[in-house]
Structures are given as C-alpha cells and as structure tokens.
Protein backbone atom coordinates (compact mmCIF):
# COMPACT_ATOMS: atom_id res chain seq x y z
CA MET A 1 5.87 -25.47 34.51
CA ARG A 2 5.53 -26.95 37.99
CA ILE A 3 5.33 -30.34 37.13
CA VAL A 4 5.43 -33.70 39.89
CA LEU A 5 6.54 -37.06 38.08
CA VAL A 6 5.23 -40.53 39.37
CA GLY A 7 5.47 -44.24 38.03
CA PRO A 8 6.62 -47.30 39.24
CA PRO A 9 9.91 -48.11 39.31
CA GLY A 10 11.99 -49.04 36.56
CA ALA A 11 9.48 -46.67 34.15
CA GLY A 12 12.42 -44.43 33.24
CA LYS A 13 11.41 -41.50 35.34
CA GLY A 14 15.55 -40.89 35.82
CA THR A 15 15.71 -40.62 32.33
CA GLN A 16 12.76 -38.75 31.34
CA ALA A 17 13.46 -35.91 34.22
CA VAL A 18 16.53 -35.04 32.96
CA ARG A 19 15.29 -34.56 29.25
CA LEU A 20 12.31 -32.65 30.32
CA ALA A 21 14.07 -30.62 32.42
CA GLU A 22 16.26 -29.79 29.91
CA LYS A 23 13.32 -29.10 27.07
CA LEU A 24 11.33 -26.93 29.60
CA LYS A 25 14.57 -25.23 30.89
CA ILE A 26 13.57 -26.24 34.52
CA PRO A 27 15.66 -27.60 37.05
CA HIS A 28 15.35 -31.52 37.73
CA ILE A 29 14.71 -31.71 41.88
CA SER A 30 15.24 -35.33 42.45
CA THR A 31 14.90 -36.92 46.18
CA GLY A 32 18.21 -38.88 46.01
CA ASP A 33 19.97 -35.82 44.60
CA LEU A 34 18.52 -33.75 47.72
CA PHE A 35 19.95 -35.88 50.43
CA ARG A 36 23.29 -36.81 48.60
CA ALA A 37 23.49 -32.75 48.73
CA ASN A 38 22.78 -32.27 51.80
CA ILE A 39 24.54 -35.14 53.28
CA SER A 40 27.81 -33.74 51.08
CA GLN A 41 27.62 -30.46 51.89
CA GLN A 42 26.94 -31.19 55.56
CA THR A 43 23.92 -28.94 56.25
CA ASP A 44 22.15 -29.47 59.10
CA LEU A 45 19.34 -31.25 57.58
CA GLY A 46 21.55 -33.17 55.94
CA LYS A 47 23.33 -34.17 59.04
CA LEU A 48 19.69 -35.35 60.72
CA ALA A 49 19.11 -37.57 57.40
CA LYS A 50 22.09 -39.14 58.05
CA SER A 51 21.15 -39.91 61.50
CA TYR A 52 18.48 -41.72 60.67
CA MET A 53 19.96 -43.47 58.05
CA ASP A 54 22.94 -44.60 60.12
CA ALA A 55 20.55 -45.89 62.62
CA GLY A 56 18.75 -47.81 59.63
CA ASN A 57 15.86 -45.59 59.71
CA LEU A 58 13.69 -44.08 57.29
CA VAL A 59 14.48 -40.26 56.85
CA PRO A 60 10.98 -38.80 58.12
CA ASP A 61 8.42 -36.82 56.05
CA GLU A 62 9.04 -33.56 57.52
CA VAL A 63 13.23 -33.90 56.67
CA THR A 64 12.38 -34.47 53.27
CA ILE A 65 9.80 -31.74 53.28
CA ALA A 66 11.80 -29.52 54.49
CA MET A 67 15.01 -29.77 51.78
CA ALA A 68 12.42 -29.96 48.99
CA LYS A 69 11.58 -26.48 50.10
CA ASP A 70 15.00 -25.36 50.41
CA ARG A 71 15.35 -26.37 47.13
CA MET A 72 12.13 -25.04 45.50
CA GLU A 73 13.29 -21.31 46.89
CA GLN A 74 16.66 -21.49 44.90
CA PRO A 75 16.90 -18.64 42.34
CA ASP A 76 16.76 -21.58 39.05
CA ALA A 77 13.53 -22.78 40.37
CA THR A 78 11.55 -19.72 40.38
CA GLY A 79 10.44 -20.02 37.02
CA GLY A 80 9.16 -23.82 37.44
CA PHE A 81 10.66 -27.18 38.18
CA LEU A 82 10.36 -30.88 37.82
CA LEU A 83 9.91 -32.86 40.68
CA ASP A 84 10.85 -36.27 40.40
CA GLY A 85 10.68 -38.82 43.62
CA PHE A 86 8.76 -36.28 46.13
CA PRO A 87 5.91 -36.15 46.96
CA ARG A 88 6.27 -39.83 47.57
CA ASN A 89 3.05 -40.27 49.50
CA VAL A 90 -0.38 -38.80 50.01
CA SER A 91 0.86 -36.84 53.76
CA GLN A 92 3.75 -35.48 51.47
CA ALA A 93 1.77 -34.38 48.63
CA GLU A 94 -0.70 -32.50 50.96
CA ALA A 95 2.60 -30.92 52.65
CA LEU A 96 3.67 -29.84 49.10
CA ASP A 97 0.44 -28.18 48.11
CA GLU A 98 0.50 -26.45 51.54
CA LEU A 99 4.04 -25.30 50.70
CA LEU A 100 3.24 -24.47 47.25
CA LYS A 101 0.00 -22.27 48.47
CA SER A 102 1.89 -20.84 51.39
CA GLU A 103 4.19 -19.05 48.17
CA GLY A 104 0.77 -17.90 45.93
CA ILE A 105 1.94 -21.11 43.40
CA LYS A 106 0.58 -24.49 42.35
CA LEU A 107 1.29 -27.53 40.21
CA ASP A 108 0.51 -27.29 36.58
CA ALA A 109 0.47 -30.90 36.00
CA VAL A 110 1.63 -34.32 37.40
CA LEU A 111 2.94 -36.33 34.79
CA ASP A 112 2.56 -40.53 35.17
CA LEU A 113 4.45 -42.81 33.54
CA GLU A 114 2.33 -45.92 33.19
CA VAL A 115 4.13 -49.20 32.44
CA PRO A 116 2.94 -52.81 32.76
CA GLU A 117 4.44 -54.87 35.75
CA ASP A 118 5.65 -57.73 33.62
CA GLU A 119 7.54 -55.36 31.52
CA VAL A 120 9.00 -53.66 34.64
CA VAL A 121 10.25 -57.02 36.06
CA LYS A 122 11.50 -57.64 33.01
CA ARG A 123 13.62 -54.05 32.81
CA ILE A 124 15.20 -54.36 36.31
CA ALA A 125 15.49 -57.94 36.24
CA GLY A 126 17.73 -57.80 33.41
CA ARG A 127 20.15 -55.28 34.31
CA ARG A 128 23.37 -56.97 34.95
CA ILE A 129 26.54 -54.69 36.06
CA CYS A 130 30.22 -55.04 35.34
CA ARG A 131 32.09 -56.08 38.87
CA LYS A 132 35.15 -53.69 37.77
CA ASP A 133 34.93 -49.62 38.74
CA ASN A 134 33.62 -48.16 35.47
CA GLY A 135 30.48 -50.18 36.61
CA HIS A 136 29.27 -50.78 32.93
CA VAL A 137 25.57 -51.96 32.36
CA PHE A 138 23.73 -54.18 30.05
CA HIS A 139 20.65 -55.97 29.63
CA VAL A 140 19.88 -59.28 29.20
CA THR A 141 17.31 -58.74 26.21
CA TYR A 142 17.64 -54.83 25.39
CA SER A 143 21.69 -54.37 25.26
CA PRO A 144 23.05 -57.91 25.84
CA PRO A 145 26.58 -58.48 25.69
CA LYS A 146 28.72 -59.84 22.58
CA VAL A 147 29.65 -63.00 25.39
CA GLU A 148 26.86 -63.78 28.27
CA GLY A 149 28.37 -62.75 31.48
CA VAL A 150 31.20 -60.58 30.01
CA CYS A 151 31.51 -57.02 29.67
CA ASP A 152 31.90 -55.82 26.07
CA ILE A 153 34.19 -52.88 27.00
CA CYS A 154 36.61 -54.12 29.30
CA GLY A 155 36.04 -58.10 29.94
CA GLY A 156 35.58 -57.67 33.46
CA GLU A 157 32.51 -60.08 34.96
CA LEU A 158 28.59 -59.01 34.64
CA TYR A 159 26.68 -59.74 37.37
CA GLN A 160 23.11 -59.01 38.51
CA ARG A 161 22.50 -56.85 41.63
CA ASP A 162 20.92 -57.90 44.75
CA ASP A 163 18.50 -55.14 44.36
CA ASP A 164 17.58 -56.32 40.82
CA SER A 165 16.43 -59.50 41.73
CA GLU A 166 13.19 -60.63 40.62
CA ASP A 167 11.85 -60.88 44.24
CA THR A 168 13.26 -57.75 45.28
CA VAL A 169 11.71 -55.64 42.33
CA ARG A 170 7.97 -57.18 43.14
CA THR A 171 8.62 -56.12 46.63
CA ARG A 172 9.49 -52.60 45.17
CA LEU A 173 6.52 -52.50 43.15
CA GLU A 174 4.46 -53.59 46.01
CA VAL A 175 5.88 -50.59 48.09
CA TYR A 176 5.18 -48.06 45.39
CA HIS A 177 1.26 -49.83 44.59
CA THR A 178 0.50 -48.94 48.91
CA GLN A 179 2.42 -46.01 49.27
CA THR A 180 3.10 -43.62 46.24
CA GLU A 181 0.13 -44.97 43.80
CA PRO A 182 -2.41 -42.97 45.71
CA ILE A 183 -0.97 -39.88 45.01
CA ILE A 184 -2.50 -40.43 41.63
CA ASP A 185 -5.82 -40.50 42.24
CA TYR A 186 -5.03 -37.42 44.71
CA TYR A 187 -3.55 -35.51 42.32
CA LYS A 188 -7.05 -36.89 39.93
CA SER A 189 -8.90 -35.42 42.04
CA GLN A 190 -7.73 -32.00 41.18
CA GLY A 191 -7.75 -32.29 37.22
CA LEU A 192 -3.92 -32.35 37.20
CA VAL A 193 -2.65 -35.64 35.96
CA ARG A 194 -1.34 -36.67 32.66
CA THR A 195 -1.56 -40.39 32.10
CA ILE A 196 1.43 -41.70 29.25
CA SER A 197 2.92 -45.00 28.45
CA SER A 198 6.19 -45.59 28.91
CA LEU A 199 6.58 -48.12 26.32
CA GLY A 200 8.65 -47.33 22.95
CA PRO A 201 11.69 -45.74 22.13
CA VAL A 202 13.06 -42.85 24.66
CA ASP A 203 12.72 -40.32 22.10
CA GLU A 204 9.04 -41.20 21.65
CA ILE A 205 8.13 -41.17 25.27
CA THR A 206 9.45 -37.55 25.74
CA ARG A 207 7.25 -36.70 22.95
CA ARG A 208 4.10 -38.19 24.57
CA ALA A 209 5.33 -36.55 27.84
CA LEU A 210 5.94 -33.38 26.05
CA ASP A 211 2.50 -33.30 23.90
CA ALA A 212 0.67 -34.32 27.54
CA LEU A 213 2.25 -31.42 29.23
CA GLY A 214 0.69 -29.11 26.08
CA TRP A 215 4.35 -28.28 25.21
CA ASP A 216 5.92 -27.29 21.84
CA GLU A 217 9.18 -26.25 20.42
CA GLY A 218 7.82 -22.65 20.48
CA ASP A 219 7.06 -22.65 23.79
CA LYS A 220 8.60 -20.27 26.01
CA LYS A 221 7.04 -21.50 29.59
C-alpha cells in the first residue's frame, strides 16, 4: 500500500506511522528522517538542505521532493510506503502525484488523523521533559510524575520546552491549517481520504486506521 499520513501536530502521527508501517510491512518515510539521513551522510541534497537551514531559511519544496523521490525509489519501498510529513502543502502534493504518475503508480489512501484543537494544545502543552541527558518525558495529565517537577526515574528537574508552550502550539496549528490542511481537500477530490478519530488508546487508534484502510490480519498487501 502507498499511504500519506496527515493530521495536526499532537495527533500522534509519529506513533501511528511506526505501528502502521510495521503492520503493513512497508517503510515509514518521514520528512525528519529524510533530512537527518541526507545531512548526516553528506549527500548533495543534504548539503544543499543544510545550507538553507544554516542560513535560517526554509528548505525549498524541490529539495524536499527530491529527497522523497530518492527514498521512494529504494528497493524496500517498491511494494509500498507510508509518507509522514510529506507532502506538507498542495504544491508538494501535486509534485508527488506527478512523480508517482511518471512511475506508473498511485496512492492507495490518505489517512487523516482528526483531533480537536483544544486536545492538541492539552497534549503538547502538558509535556514535561527531564533536563538530564536521558530526556525522560512526562505529562501533567496523562503521565504525571509522582512529585511535581521531578523526574521519577532519575530525579532530574522537569521543564516545559519553548516549543511546547501554548502560544507556540497555537502558532503551529495555524501554520497547519493554512499550509497543510488544504491537502485534505485536494485528496478528497480524488476519493483518497480516510478520516479517523485520534482520540483514545493507541491500540484502538491503530485498529481504526487499519479498518479505514481495509486491512486485516490475513492481508498480504
């Protein structure tokens, strides 16, 4: 299967991407991993991306698209893939369509993880990270430490990252609504979107996703 995974920050895309890729036996291709791999391996694309990042600029779509193209052409992706974080806007979605068309293949589904905005803020703004190198993660509501502000595991101080503040989360949501959310309508016009709720236990969300994709334990897709 060839799948695009979309949803706002805090929807649990990273967790579900790993679980779904394992079940479906396809590689999980995330934008973050693409950038880290190309930069660490000092590929031409990685060097180009790093030059933009070092200058404080956004990496152009064409560089991201080229990285995705290279990854999707690897042997392990010939039978399918799950894209996480790409495409990020309609221009990238159009470029992906053209790329797949040139290879004589197409997407099977676009899985949209739906979660209320207030829940997104609650999930992200409630995170607390241990200041020590281990980076243990807690949550003020879902997995609170036994002693407020203190890591259960090593006794380190827990703090809220700047990226996790409510103001920053709401800014990230606005960017999502403006730039990424329009790809849902783009793919709806192709009949590809499968929307599921991202509320509830992780296992339950995974089952909803597999059901929406029409997959069961006996499938060999």
